[in-house]
Every structure is written in C-alpha cells, then in structure tokens.
Amino acid sequence: MDFLELAKSRYSVRKFSTNRIVEEKLSLILEAGRVAPTAVNRQPQRILVLENEEDLAKLKPCIPYRFQETLALLVCYDKNESWKRSFDNKDSGEVDASIVATHMMLEAYNLGIGSTWVGHFDPQVTREMFRIPQNIEPVVLLLLGYPSHESSPNPNHYKRLDRAQTVYYGSFPEVEK
C-alpha cells in the first residue's frame, strides 16, 4: 500500500476482535519501533509489552476506557539516555518515544492490526501497576488488536484542516493583538 494511503486510512480502533496477535507480527511491530529515528540516535525508548490477561488487567486502574485489546505497548523513554538540547536542556525523550510509537502504530496497520493511541492515562498509577523505575518516563499506551467487524473510524477521522491553515512558508502571518 502507498504510504499516504496507509496514513489516511489508519484510524483509532474502538472495538477489537478477540483474535490474538501472533508473535511474528508483534516482532515486526517492535522492529518498526527499533529502527525509528531518535535524537542523536540515542535510542532512549523502552517498551513494555503487555500481552497476557494478567498484564492487560493491570491497565484497568490506569486508563478510563478499554476496547477489548489483545495487546498493549507502553512506550516510555529512559531519562538517563535521552538527548538534551544544549541551549535550554529540552529533553527529546517524549518526542523520540512518540516517533517510535508512530512507527509501530503504522506498521501494525500495515499488517492488518488496529491500534488506539492512548495519552489519557494516570502516569503515577501506571508506574505503580507496572513497577516502572523513576528514570523511565511513560509517554503513550498503544492498544492493539485486530479490528472487530463492527469497527469503523470516528466521523471526525476524515476532517482535516486545509493545508493553508497549517503550513506557512518563510514566516508566520502577523497575529492580531
């Protein structure tokens, strides 16, 4: 599939089937994350794979909703490994983890596996439930599984701003005060 077609047709799955993701496909998804670009190639991403019922059940107090996912990936970064910008010490870890998660999400879709990006989770409860060390910072939960035959994109999925509203050349327009 053409990349733009893949990017346009991928949507957040809100209802998964009960079919489990086979190890070979999980391996390809994780490989897509492994090869994702990171600042200065520091590769600070740390991914917690949650694939059994016991681990998936631990998500209940962490997030307000579930979609019968059969796999979840908690994408984190190691604060001791992530690159910091010298001008202001901005930590690239969150951006790196987001790039890694995006690569995995798109590879999953390429393999016929749906996903939902969950940023709305309680980081402290998640830390406690999964015994996450202080140097590891959770960024996003990817809930994954095969879409149910009832699954469809949210109507807002197809709404996009015109490019002229988001892309500027040379400078940004004057902002009225």
C-alpha atoms as a PDB file:
ATOM      1  CA  MET A   1       0.000   0.000   0.000  1.00  0.00           C
ATOM      2  CA  ASP A   2       1.182   3.506  -0.785  1.00  0.00           C
ATOM      3  CA  PHE A   3       2.333   5.315   2.383  1.00  0.00           C
ATOM      4  CA  LEU A   4      -0.115   8.225   2.057  1.00  0.00           C
ATOM      5  CA  GLU A   5      -2.993   5.804   1.520  1.00  0.00           C
ATOM      6  CA  LEU A   6      -1.894   3.873   4.616  1.00  0.00           C
ATOM      7  CA  ALA A   7      -1.622   7.089   6.660  1.00  0.00           C
ATOM      8  CA  LYS A   8      -5.020   8.343   5.509  1.00  0.00           C
ATOM      9  CA  SER A   9      -6.882   5.076   6.072  1.00  0.00           C
ATOM     10  CA  ARG A  10      -5.447   4.179   9.511  1.00  0.00           C
ATOM     11  CA  TYR A  11      -7.863   5.073  12.301  1.00  0.00           C
ATOM     12  CA  SER A  12      -8.200   4.612  16.069  1.00  0.00           C
ATOM     13  CA  VAL A  13      -9.916   1.281  16.637  1.00  0.00           C
ATOM     14  CA  ARG A  14     -12.508   1.390  19.402  1.00  0.00           C
ATOM     15  CA  LYS A  15     -13.591  -2.248  19.192  1.00  0.00           C
ATOM     16  CA  PHE A  16     -11.173  -5.121  18.721  1.00  0.00           C
ATOM     17  CA  SER A  17     -11.891  -8.763  17.932  1.00  0.00           C
ATOM     18  CA  THR A  18     -10.736 -11.496  20.304  1.00  0.00           C
ATOM     19  CA  ASN A  19      -8.132 -12.816  17.829  1.00  0.00           C
ATOM     20  CA  ARG A  20      -4.643 -12.663  19.296  1.00  0.00           C
ATOM     21  CA  ILE A  21      -1.667 -11.145  17.511  1.00  0.00           C
ATOM     22  CA  VAL A  22       0.875 -13.779  16.552  1.00  0.00           C
ATOM     23  CA  GLU A  23       4.494 -13.443  17.690  1.00  0.00           C
ATOM     24  CA  GLU A  24       5.807 -12.902  14.135  1.00  0.00           C
ATOM     25  CA  LYS A  25       3.619  -9.821  13.672  1.00  0.00           C
ATOM     26  CA  LEU A  26       4.452  -8.481  17.132  1.00  0.00           C
ATOM     27  CA  SER A  27       8.121  -8.876  16.243  1.00  0.00           C
ATOM     28  CA  LEU A  28       7.651  -6.795  13.068  1.00  0.00           C
ATOM     29  CA  ILE A  29       5.817  -4.083  15.018  1.00  0.00           C
ATOM     30  CA  LEU A  30       8.600  -3.948  17.610  1.00  0.00           C
ATOM     31  CA  GLU A  31      11.215  -3.863  14.842  1.00  0.00           C
ATOM     32  CA  ALA A  32       9.488  -0.819  13.312  1.00  0.00           C
ATOM     33  CA  GLY A  33       9.924   0.896  16.680  1.00  0.00           C
ATOM     34  CA  ARG A  34      13.527  -0.218  16.999  1.00  0.00           C
ATOM     35  CA  VAL A  35      14.527   1.363  13.681  1.00  0.00           C
ATOM     36  CA  ALA A  36      12.646   4.634  14.275  1.00  0.00           C
ATOM     37  CA  PRO A  37      14.801   7.760  14.295  1.00  0.00           C
ATOM     38  CA  THR A  38      15.662   9.292  17.670  1.00  0.00           C
ATOM     39  CA  ALA A  39      17.623  12.410  18.573  1.00  0.00           C
ATOM     40  CA  VAL A  40      21.359  11.821  18.121  1.00  0.00           C
ATOM     41  CA  ASN A  41      20.383   8.141  17.691  1.00  0.00           C
ATOM     42  CA  ARG A  42      20.383   7.778  21.487  1.00  0.00           C
ATOM     43  CA  GLN A  43      17.504   5.258  21.274  1.00  0.00           C
ATOM     44  CA  PRO A  44      16.057   6.030  24.718  1.00  0.00           C
ATOM     45  CA  GLN A  45      12.788   4.208  24.033  1.00  0.00           C
ATOM     46  CA  ARG A  46      11.798   1.496  26.447  1.00  0.00           C
ATOM     47  CA  ILE A  47       8.736  -0.539  25.516  1.00  0.00           C
ATOM     48  CA  LEU A  48       6.756  -2.670  27.919  1.00  0.00           C
ATOM     49  CA  VAL A  49       4.820  -5.416  26.096  1.00  0.00           C
ATOM     50  CA  LEU A  50       1.544  -6.349  27.775  1.00  0.00           C
ATOM     51  CA  GLU A  51       0.098  -9.410  26.097  1.00  0.00           C
ATOM     52  CA  ASN A  52      -1.307 -11.749  28.730  1.00  0.00           C
ATOM     53  CA  GLU A  53      -4.589 -11.369  30.600  1.00  0.00           C
ATOM     54  CA  GLU A  54      -2.863 -10.627  33.911  1.00  0.00           C
ATOM     55  CA  ASP A  55      -0.823  -7.735  32.484  1.00  0.00           C
ATOM     56  CA  LEU A  56      -3.722  -6.348  30.453  1.00  0.00           C
ATOM     57  CA  ALA A  57      -5.946  -6.422  33.560  1.00  0.00           C
ATOM     58  CA  LYS A  58      -3.447  -4.104  35.280  1.00  0.00           C
ATOM     59  CA  LEU A  59      -4.439  -1.409  32.774  1.00  0.00           C
ATOM     60  CA  LYS A  60      -7.913  -1.045  34.324  1.00  0.00           C
ATOM     61  CA  PRO A  61      -6.916   1.457  37.046  1.00  0.00           C
ATOM     62  CA  CYS A  62      -4.571   3.277  34.640  1.00  0.00           C
ATOM     63  CA  ILE A  63      -6.974   4.262  31.859  1.00  0.00           C
ATOM     64  CA  PRO A  64     -10.662   5.172  31.865  1.00  0.00           C
ATOM     65  CA  TYR A  65     -11.622   3.003  28.887  1.00  0.00           C
ATOM     66  CA  ARG A  66     -10.670  -0.233  27.176  1.00  0.00           C
ATOM     67  CA  PHE A  67     -11.590  -1.672  23.774  1.00  0.00           C
ATOM     68  CA  GLN A  68     -11.047  -5.419  24.241  1.00  0.00           C
ATOM     69  CA  GLU A  69      -7.454  -5.085  23.047  1.00  0.00           C
ATOM     70  CA  THR A  70      -5.390  -8.266  22.996  1.00  0.00           C
ATOM     71  CA  LEU A  71      -2.061  -6.448  23.226  1.00  0.00           C
ATOM     72  CA  ALA A  72      -0.820  -3.164  24.657  1.00  0.00           C
ATOM     73  CA  LEU A  73       2.545  -1.480  24.303  1.00  0.00           C
ATOM     74  CA  LEU A  74       3.544   1.023  26.957  1.00  0.00           C
ATOM     75  CA  VAL A  75       6.028   3.273  25.189  1.00  0.00           C
ATOM     76  CA  CYS A  76       8.413   5.023  27.561  1.00  0.00           C
ATOM     77  CA  TYR A  77      11.836   6.613  27.456  1.00  0.00           C
ATOM     78  CA  ASP A  78      14.857   6.477  29.721  1.00  0.00           C
ATOM     79  CA  LYS A  79      15.592   9.979  31.053  1.00  0.00           C
ATOM     80  CA  ASN A  80      19.227   8.956  31.620  1.00  0.00           C
ATOM     81  CA  GLU A  81      19.650   8.100  27.930  1.00  0.00           C
ATOM     82  CA  SER A  82      17.590  10.710  26.094  1.00  0.00           C
ATOM     83  CA  TRP A  83      19.373  13.598  24.390  1.00  0.00           C
ATOM     84  CA  LYS A  84      19.038  17.077  25.932  1.00  0.00           C
ATOM     85  CA  ARG A  85      19.273  20.195  23.773  1.00  0.00           C
ATOM     86  CA  SER A  86      22.249  22.297  24.904  1.00  0.00           C
ATOM     87  CA  PHE A  87      20.502  25.671  24.561  1.00  0.00           C
ATOM     88  CA  ASP A  88      17.709  25.032  27.045  1.00  0.00           C
ATOM     89  CA  ASN A  89      18.149  21.414  28.204  1.00  0.00           C
ATOM     90  CA  LYS A  90      14.911  20.392  26.462  1.00  0.00           C
ATOM     91  CA  ASP A  91      14.596  16.612  26.756  1.00  0.00           C
ATOM     92  CA  SER A  92      13.964  14.866  23.419  1.00  0.00           C
ATOM     93  CA  GLY A  93      12.693  11.691  25.079  1.00  0.00           C
ATOM     94  CA  GLU A  94       8.991  12.391  24.672  1.00  0.00           C
ATOM     95  CA  VAL A  95       9.423  13.228  21.000  1.00  0.00           C
ATOM     96  CA  ASP A  96      11.583  10.141  20.473  1.00  0.00           C
ATOM     97  CA  ALA A  97       9.020   7.891  22.167  1.00  0.00           C
ATOM     98  CA  SER A  98       6.256   9.438  20.059  1.00  0.00           C
ATOM     99  CA  ILE A  99       8.161   8.778  16.836  1.00  0.00           C
ATOM    100  CA  VAL A 100       8.769   5.176  17.933  1.00  0.00           C
ATOM    101  CA  ALA A 101       5.079   4.738  18.797  1.00  0.00           C
ATOM    102  CA  THR A 102       4.017   6.180  15.443  1.00  0.00           C
ATOM    103  CA  HIS A 103       6.285   3.795  13.546  1.00  0.00           C
ATOM    104  CA  MET A 104       4.850   0.845  15.470  1.00  0.00           C
ATOM    105  CA  MET A 105       1.273   2.046  15.001  1.00  0.00           C
ATOM    106  CA  LEU A 106       1.715   2.381  11.233  1.00  0.00           C
ATOM    107  CA  GLU A 107       3.477  -0.986  10.910  1.00  0.00           C
ATOM    108  CA  ALA A 108       0.636  -2.579  12.871  1.00  0.00           C
ATOM    109  CA  TYR A 109      -1.883  -1.105  10.444  1.00  0.00           C
ATOM    110  CA  ASN A 110       0.232  -2.276   7.518  1.00  0.00           C
ATOM    111  CA  LEU A 111      -0.098  -5.801   8.989  1.00  0.00           C
ATOM    112  CA  GLY A 112      -3.891  -5.532   9.352  1.00  0.00           C
ATOM    113  CA  ILE A 113      -3.727  -4.778  13.085  1.00  0.00           C
ATOM    114  CA  GLY A 114      -5.635  -1.857  14.538  1.00  0.00           C
ATOM    115  CA  SER A 115      -4.469   0.455  17.294  1.00  0.00           C
ATOM    116  CA  THR A 116      -5.566   3.243  19.554  1.00  0.00           C
ATOM    117  CA  TRP A 117      -3.108   5.846  20.820  1.00  0.00           C
ATOM    118  CA  VAL A 118      -3.888   6.474  24.490  1.00  0.00           C
ATOM    119  CA  GLY A 119      -2.308   9.515  26.049  1.00  0.00           C
ATOM    120  CA  HIS A 120      -5.041   9.807  28.679  1.00  0.00           C
ATOM    121  CA  PHE A 121      -3.644   7.575  31.404  1.00  0.00           C
ATOM    122  CA  ASP A 122      -2.625   8.125  35.000  1.00  0.00           C
ATOM    123  CA  PRO A 123       1.189   8.070  34.945  1.00  0.00           C
ATOM    124  CA  GLN A 124       1.549   7.550  38.706  1.00  0.00           C
ATOM    125  CA  VAL A 125      -0.877   4.629  38.830  1.00  0.00           C
ATOM    126  CA  THR A 126       0.770   3.197  35.711  1.00  0.00           C
ATOM    127  CA  ARG A 127       4.178   3.493  37.413  1.00  0.00           C
ATOM    128  CA  GLU A 128       2.879   1.607  40.435  1.00  0.00           C
ATOM    129  CA  MET A 129       0.996  -1.095  38.496  1.00  0.00           C
ATOM    130  CA  PHE A 130       3.996  -1.940  36.312  1.00  0.00           C
ATOM    131  CA  ARG A 131       6.806  -1.116  38.793  1.00  0.00           C
ATOM    132  CA  ILE A 132       8.372   1.463  36.474  1.00  0.00           C
ATOM    133  CA  PRO A 133      11.701   2.859  37.710  1.00  0.00           C
ATOM    134  CA  GLN A 134      11.977   6.638  38.200  1.00  0.00           C
ATOM    135  CA  ASN A 135      14.352   7.081  35.247  1.00  0.00           C
ATOM    136  CA  ILE A 136      11.768   5.553  32.882  1.00  0.00           C
ATOM    137  CA  GLU A 137       9.088   8.008  31.748  1.00  0.00           C
ATOM    138  CA  PRO A 138       5.814   6.604  30.326  1.00  0.00           C
ATOM    139  CA  VAL A 139       4.589   8.548  27.270  1.00  0.00           C
ATOM    140  CA  VAL A 140       1.842   6.623  25.492  1.00  0.00           C
ATOM    141  CA  LEU A 141      -0.088   3.382  25.590  1.00  0.00           C
ATOM    142  CA  LEU A 142      -0.767   1.735  22.260  1.00  0.00           C
ATOM    143  CA  LEU A 143      -3.750  -0.599  22.485  1.00  0.00           C
ATOM    144  CA  LEU A 144      -3.590  -3.126  19.661  1.00  0.00           C
ATOM    145  CA  GLY A 145      -5.640  -5.910  18.158  1.00  0.00           C
ATOM    146  CA  TYR A 146      -7.487  -6.969  15.067  1.00  0.00           C
ATOM    147  CA  PRO A 147     -10.412  -4.630  14.418  1.00  0.00           C
ATOM    148  CA  SER A 148     -13.834  -6.125  15.087  1.00  0.00           C
ATOM    149  CA  HIS A 149     -16.075  -6.411  12.023  1.00  0.00           C
ATOM    150  CA  GLU A 150     -18.147  -3.665  13.726  1.00  0.00           C
ATOM    151  CA  SER A 151     -15.180  -1.291  13.981  1.00  0.00           C
ATOM    152  CA  SER A 152     -15.193   1.882  11.906  1.00  0.00           C
ATOM    153  CA  PRO A 153     -13.491   5.258  12.016  1.00  0.00           C
ATOM    154  CA  ASN A 154     -14.984   8.040  14.098  1.00  0.00           C
ATOM    155  CA  PRO A 155     -16.640  10.567  11.724  1.00  0.00           C
ATOM    156  CA  ASN A 156     -14.084  13.173  12.858  1.00  0.00           C
ATOM    157  CA  HIS A 157     -11.312  10.977  11.452  1.00  0.00           C
ATOM    158  CA  TYR A 158     -11.932  12.341   7.977  1.00  0.00           C
ATOM    159  CA  LYS A 159     -11.993  16.013   8.982  1.00  0.00           C
ATOM    160  CA  ARG A 160      -8.738  17.734   8.157  1.00  0.00           C
ATOM    161  CA  LEU A 161      -7.838  21.384   8.080  1.00  0.00           C
ATOM    162  CA  ASP A 162      -6.830  22.759   4.727  1.00  0.00           C
ATOM    163  CA  ARG A 163      -3.047  22.757   4.327  1.00  0.00           C
ATOM    164  CA  ALA A 164      -3.091  26.558   4.034  1.00  0.00           C
ATOM    165  CA  GLN A 165      -4.288  26.661   7.650  1.00  0.00           C
ATOM    166  CA  THR A 166      -1.325  24.651   8.966  1.00  0.00           C
ATOM    167  CA  VAL A 167       1.622  25.254   6.633  1.00  0.00           C
ATOM    168  CA  TYR A 168       3.462  28.562   6.181  1.00  0.00           C
ATOM    169  CA  TYR A 169       6.469  29.478   4.076  1.00  0.00           C
ATOM    170  CA  GLY A 170       9.273  31.689   5.363  1.00  0.00           C
ATOM    171  CA  SER A 171       7.403  33.213   8.289  1.00  0.00           C
ATOM    172  CA  PHE A 172       4.176  33.004  10.211  1.00  0.00           C
ATOM    173  CA  PRO A 173       1.450  35.566   9.497  1.00  0.00           C
ATOM    174  CA  GLU A 174       1.094  38.585  11.739  1.00  0.00           C
ATOM    175  CA  VAL A 175      -1.081  37.855  14.736  1.00  0.00           C
ATOM    176  CA  GLU A 176      -3.669  40.479  15.576  1.00  0.00           C
ATOM    177  CA  LYS A 177      -3.479  41.664  19.162  1.00  0.00           C
END
